[in-house]
Amino acid sequence: MSISREEILVKVKEIMNELFELKPESIHLDSRLMEDLGLDSIDAIDLITFLQSFVGQRLQPEDFRSVRTISDLITAAESTLNQVKNADDKKPGV
């Protein structure tokens, strides 16, 4: 399953609108989760949970420890997807 950065961004905006009533147009790649968007650590966990259902994979907590911006969040989701893809590529017959 290949999901682009743009698709992840669109979904993040939808999730943030649904969960936190943030307007999608106010969410940018350089938006800081806490300072600019007002999320706290519990909100971040909710966001990750919803993002996991979108990408169809469990997102690794260690990938999210350094997440501060929307761009960081998308990069972490991409990293998880790439790890899964690489593991699938190494399976015989896949």
N, C-alpha and C. Protein backbone atom coordinates (compact mmCIF):
# COMPACT_ATOMS: atom_id res chain seq x y z
N MET A 1 0.85 -1.18 0.00
CA MET A 1 0.00 0.00 0.00
C MET A 1 0.89 1.24 0.00
N SER A 2 0.73 2.08 -0.99
CA SER A 2 1.54 3.27 -1.10
C SER A 2 0.65 4.50 -0.90
N ILE A 3 0.99 5.29 0.11
CA ILE A 3 0.25 6.50 0.42
C ILE A 3 1.21 7.67 0.31
N SER A 4 0.82 8.69 -0.43
CA SER A 4 1.69 9.85 -0.62
C SER A 4 1.64 10.79 0.58
N ARG A 5 2.65 11.65 0.66
CA ARG A 5 2.68 12.68 1.70
C ARG A 5 1.42 13.54 1.64
N GLU A 6 1.01 13.88 0.43
CA GLU A 6 -0.18 14.72 0.26
C GLU A 6 -1.43 14.02 0.79
N GLU A 7 -1.56 12.72 0.53
CA GLU A 7 -2.71 11.96 1.04
C GLU A 7 -2.70 11.92 2.56
N ILE A 8 -1.51 11.75 3.14
CA ILE A 8 -1.41 11.75 4.61
C ILE A 8 -1.78 13.13 5.15
N LEU A 9 -1.29 14.19 4.51
CA LEU A 9 -1.60 15.55 4.95
C LEU A 9 -3.11 15.80 4.91
N VAL A 10 -3.75 15.41 3.84
CA VAL A 10 -5.20 15.60 3.71
C VAL A 10 -5.91 14.87 4.85
N LYS A 11 -5.50 13.64 5.12
CA LYS A 11 -6.14 12.86 6.19
C LYS A 11 -5.86 13.48 7.55
N VAL A 12 -4.65 13.95 7.79
CA VAL A 12 -4.32 14.61 9.05
C VAL A 12 -5.22 15.83 9.25
N LYS A 13 -5.42 16.61 8.21
CA LYS A 13 -6.30 17.78 8.31
C LYS A 13 -7.73 17.36 8.64
N GLU A 14 -8.22 16.29 8.00
CA GLU A 14 -9.56 15.78 8.28
C GLU A 14 -9.68 15.33 9.73
N ILE A 15 -8.69 14.57 10.19
CA ILE A 15 -8.70 14.06 11.56
C ILE A 15 -8.67 15.23 12.55
N MET A 16 -7.83 16.22 12.30
CA MET A 16 -7.70 17.33 13.22
C MET A 16 -8.96 18.19 13.24
N ASN A 17 -9.63 18.27 12.10
CA ASN A 17 -10.90 18.98 12.06
C ASN A 17 -11.95 18.23 12.86
N GLU A 18 -12.00 16.91 12.66
CA GLU A 18 -12.99 16.08 13.35
C GLU A 18 -12.73 16.04 14.87
N LEU A 19 -11.49 15.80 15.26
CA LEU A 19 -11.18 15.64 16.69
C LEU A 19 -11.09 16.95 17.46
N PHE A 20 -10.49 17.96 16.83
CA PHE A 20 -10.14 19.17 17.57
C PHE A 20 -10.80 20.43 17.03
N GLU A 21 -11.67 20.26 16.01
CA GLU A 21 -12.38 21.37 15.40
C GLU A 21 -11.45 22.46 14.85
N LEU A 22 -10.29 22.01 14.36
CA LEU A 22 -9.35 22.93 13.71
C LEU A 22 -9.70 23.03 12.23
N LYS A 23 -9.69 24.22 11.70
CA LYS A 23 -9.99 24.41 10.29
C LYS A 23 -8.83 23.89 9.45
N PRO A 24 -9.13 23.07 8.43
CA PRO A 24 -8.06 22.50 7.60
C PRO A 24 -7.13 23.56 7.01
N GLU A 25 -7.66 24.72 6.65
CA GLU A 25 -6.82 25.76 6.05
C GLU A 25 -5.85 26.37 7.06
N SER A 26 -6.05 26.11 8.35
CA SER A 26 -5.13 26.63 9.36
C SER A 26 -4.00 25.66 9.66
N ILE A 27 -4.01 24.49 9.02
CA ILE A 27 -3.02 23.45 9.27
C ILE A 27 -2.04 23.40 8.11
N HIS A 28 -0.77 23.63 8.41
CA HIS A 28 0.28 23.67 7.40
C HIS A 28 1.42 22.73 7.81
N LEU A 29 2.27 22.39 6.87
CA LEU A 29 3.38 21.48 7.17
C LEU A 29 4.25 21.98 8.32
N ASP A 30 4.42 23.29 8.43
CA ASP A 30 5.28 23.83 9.48
C ASP A 30 4.52 24.17 10.76
N SER A 31 3.22 23.86 10.82
CA SER A 31 2.44 24.11 12.03
C SER A 31 2.96 23.23 13.16
N ARG A 32 3.24 23.86 14.30
CA ARG A 32 3.70 23.12 15.47
C ARG A 32 2.47 22.61 16.22
N LEU A 33 2.50 21.33 16.58
CA LEU A 33 1.34 20.69 17.18
C LEU A 33 0.89 21.38 18.47
N MET A 34 1.82 21.66 19.34
CA MET A 34 1.45 22.25 20.63
C MET A 34 1.32 23.76 20.56
N GLU A 35 2.36 24.42 20.07
CA GLU A 35 2.40 25.88 20.09
C GLU A 35 1.39 26.52 19.14
N ASP A 36 1.30 26.02 17.91
CA ASP A 36 0.44 26.65 16.91
C ASP A 36 -0.99 26.10 16.90
N LEU A 37 -1.11 24.80 17.15
CA LEU A 37 -2.42 24.15 17.03
C LEU A 37 -3.07 23.84 18.37
N GLY A 38 -2.33 24.04 19.45
CA GLY A 38 -2.90 23.90 20.78
C GLY A 38 -3.14 22.47 21.25
N LEU A 39 -2.46 21.50 20.63
CA LEU A 39 -2.62 20.11 21.06
C LEU A 39 -1.79 19.85 22.30
N ASP A 40 -2.29 18.95 23.14
CA ASP A 40 -1.50 18.49 24.27
C ASP A 40 -1.12 17.03 24.03
N SER A 41 -0.47 16.40 24.99
CA SER A 41 0.02 15.04 24.78
C SER A 41 -1.12 14.04 24.59
N ILE A 42 -2.24 14.23 25.25
CA ILE A 42 -3.39 13.34 25.08
C ILE A 42 -3.97 13.52 23.67
N ASP A 43 -4.05 14.76 23.21
CA ASP A 43 -4.52 15.02 21.84
C ASP A 43 -3.62 14.33 20.83
N ALA A 44 -2.31 14.37 21.06
CA ALA A 44 -1.36 13.74 20.14
C ALA A 44 -1.59 12.23 20.07
N ILE A 45 -1.89 11.62 21.20
CA ILE A 45 -2.18 10.18 21.21
C ILE A 45 -3.45 9.89 20.40
N ASP A 46 -4.48 10.72 20.59
CA ASP A 46 -5.71 10.55 19.81
C ASP A 46 -5.43 10.68 18.32
N LEU A 47 -4.63 11.66 17.95
CA LEU A 47 -4.27 11.88 16.55
C LEU A 47 -3.56 10.67 15.98
N ILE A 48 -2.61 10.13 16.70
CA ILE A 48 -1.86 8.96 16.24
C ILE A 48 -2.78 7.75 16.09
N THR A 49 -3.71 7.58 17.03
CA THR A 49 -4.65 6.46 16.95
C THR A 49 -5.49 6.54 15.68
N PHE A 50 -6.00 7.72 15.35
CA PHE A 50 -6.79 7.88 14.13
C PHE A 50 -5.92 7.71 12.89
N LEU A 51 -4.69 8.19 12.94
CA LEU A 51 -3.78 8.06 11.80
C LEU A 51 -3.43 6.59 11.55
N GLN A 52 -3.31 5.81 12.62
CA GLN A 52 -3.04 4.37 12.47
C GLN A 52 -4.13 3.69 11.66
N SER A 53 -5.38 4.05 11.92
CA SER A 53 -6.47 3.42 11.18
C SER A 53 -6.43 3.80 9.70
N PHE A 54 -5.94 5.01 9.40
CA PHE A 54 -5.83 5.43 8.01
C PHE A 54 -4.73 4.67 7.27
N VAL A 55 -3.57 4.56 7.88
CA VAL A 55 -2.45 3.89 7.20
C VAL A 55 -2.53 2.38 7.30
N GLY A 56 -3.39 1.89 8.20
CA GLY A 56 -3.58 0.45 8.31
C GLY A 56 -2.44 -0.28 8.99
N GLN A 57 -1.62 0.45 9.72
CA GLN A 57 -0.47 -0.13 10.42
C GLN A 57 -0.36 0.49 11.80
N ARG A 58 0.20 -0.28 12.72
CA ARG A 58 0.49 0.26 14.04
C ARG A 58 1.70 1.18 13.90
N LEU A 59 1.54 2.40 14.34
CA LEU A 59 2.62 3.37 14.27
C LEU A 59 3.50 3.20 15.50
N GLN A 60 4.78 3.17 15.30
CA GLN A 60 5.73 2.91 16.37
C GLN A 60 5.91 4.16 17.24
N PRO A 61 5.71 4.03 18.56
CA PRO A 61 5.84 5.19 19.45
C PRO A 61 7.20 5.89 19.33
N GLU A 62 8.27 5.11 19.12
CA GLU A 62 9.60 5.73 19.02
C GLU A 62 9.71 6.65 17.81
N ASP A 63 8.90 6.40 16.77
CA ASP A 63 8.91 7.28 15.59
C ASP A 63 8.26 8.63 15.89
N PHE A 64 7.52 8.71 16.98
CA PHE A 64 6.77 9.93 17.27
C PHE A 64 7.35 10.75 18.42
N ARG A 65 8.40 10.27 19.02
CA ARG A 65 8.98 11.00 20.16
C ARG A 65 9.49 12.39 19.77
N SER A 66 9.99 12.52 18.56
CA SER A 66 10.54 13.81 18.14
C SER A 66 9.59 14.62 17.26
N VAL A 67 8.35 14.18 17.15
CA VAL A 67 7.37 14.89 16.32
C VAL A 67 6.98 16.20 17.00
N ARG A 68 7.16 17.28 16.26
CA ARG A 68 6.79 18.60 16.76
C ARG A 68 5.87 19.35 15.79
N THR A 69 5.97 19.02 14.50
CA THR A 69 5.20 19.72 13.48
C THR A 69 4.37 18.73 12.66
N ILE A 70 3.49 19.26 11.84
CA ILE A 70 2.71 18.42 10.94
C ILE A 70 3.64 17.67 9.99
N SER A 71 4.67 18.33 9.50
CA SER A 71 5.64 17.67 8.62
C SER A 71 6.31 16.50 9.33
N ASP A 72 6.69 16.69 10.59
CA ASP A 72 7.30 15.60 11.37
C ASP A 72 6.33 14.43 11.49
N LEU A 73 5.06 14.73 11.71
CA LEU A 73 4.03 13.70 11.85
C LEU A 73 3.92 12.89 10.56
N ILE A 74 3.90 13.57 9.44
CA ILE A 74 3.79 12.90 8.14
C ILE A 74 5.03 12.05 7.88
N THR A 75 6.20 12.58 8.19
CA THR A 75 7.45 11.83 8.02
C THR A 75 7.45 10.56 8.86
N ALA A 76 6.96 10.66 10.10
CA ALA A 76 6.90 9.48 10.97
C ALA A 76 5.94 8.43 10.40
N ALA A 77 4.80 8.87 9.89
CA ALA A 77 3.85 7.94 9.28
C ALA A 77 4.47 7.28 8.05
N GLU A 78 5.16 8.08 7.23
CA GLU A 78 5.84 7.53 6.06
C GLU A 78 6.90 6.51 6.45
N SER A 79 7.63 6.79 7.51
CA SER A 79 8.66 5.89 7.98
C SER A 79 8.06 4.53 8.35
N THR A 80 6.95 4.55 9.04
CA THR A 80 6.27 3.30 9.40
C THR A 80 5.83 2.55 8.15
N LEU A 81 5.26 3.27 7.20
CA LEU A 81 4.81 2.63 5.96
C LEU A 81 5.97 2.04 5.19
N ASN A 82 7.09 2.75 5.15
CA ASN A 82 8.28 2.25 4.44
C ASN A 82 8.85 1.02 5.11
N GLN A 83 8.85 0.98 6.45
CA GLN A 83 9.34 -0.20 7.16
C GLN A 83 8.48 -1.42 6.82
N VAL A 84 7.18 -1.23 6.76
CA VAL A 84 6.27 -2.33 6.42
C VAL A 84 6.49 -2.76 4.99
N LYS A 85 6.63 -1.79 4.07
CA LYS A 85 6.84 -2.11 2.67
C LYS A 85 8.15 -2.88 2.49
N ASN A 86 9.22 -2.43 3.13
CA ASN A 86 10.52 -3.10 3.02
C ASN A 86 10.45 -4.52 3.57
N ALA A 87 9.72 -4.70 4.66
CA ALA A 87 9.56 -6.05 5.22
C ALA A 87 8.79 -6.95 4.25
N ASP A 88 7.76 -6.39 3.61
CA ASP A 88 6.98 -7.15 2.64
C ASP A 88 7.81 -7.50 1.41
N ASP A 89 8.68 -6.57 0.99
CA ASP A 89 9.52 -6.81 -0.19
C ASP A 89 10.51 -7.96 0.04
N LYS A 90 10.88 -8.18 1.30
CA LYS A 90 11.84 -9.21 1.61
C LYS A 90 11.21 -10.60 1.76
N LYS A 91 9.87 -10.64 1.82
CA LYS A 91 9.18 -11.92 1.95
C LYS A 91 9.24 -12.66 0.62
N PRO A 92 9.51 -13.96 0.66
CA PRO A 92 9.51 -14.75 -0.58
C PRO A 92 8.11 -14.75 -1.21
N GLY A 93 8.08 -14.58 -2.51
CA GLY A 93 6.83 -14.64 -3.24
C GLY A 93 5.99 -13.39 -3.16
N VAL A 94 6.51 -12.32 -2.58
CA VAL A 94 5.74 -11.08 -2.48
C VAL A 94 6.26 -10.10 -3.49
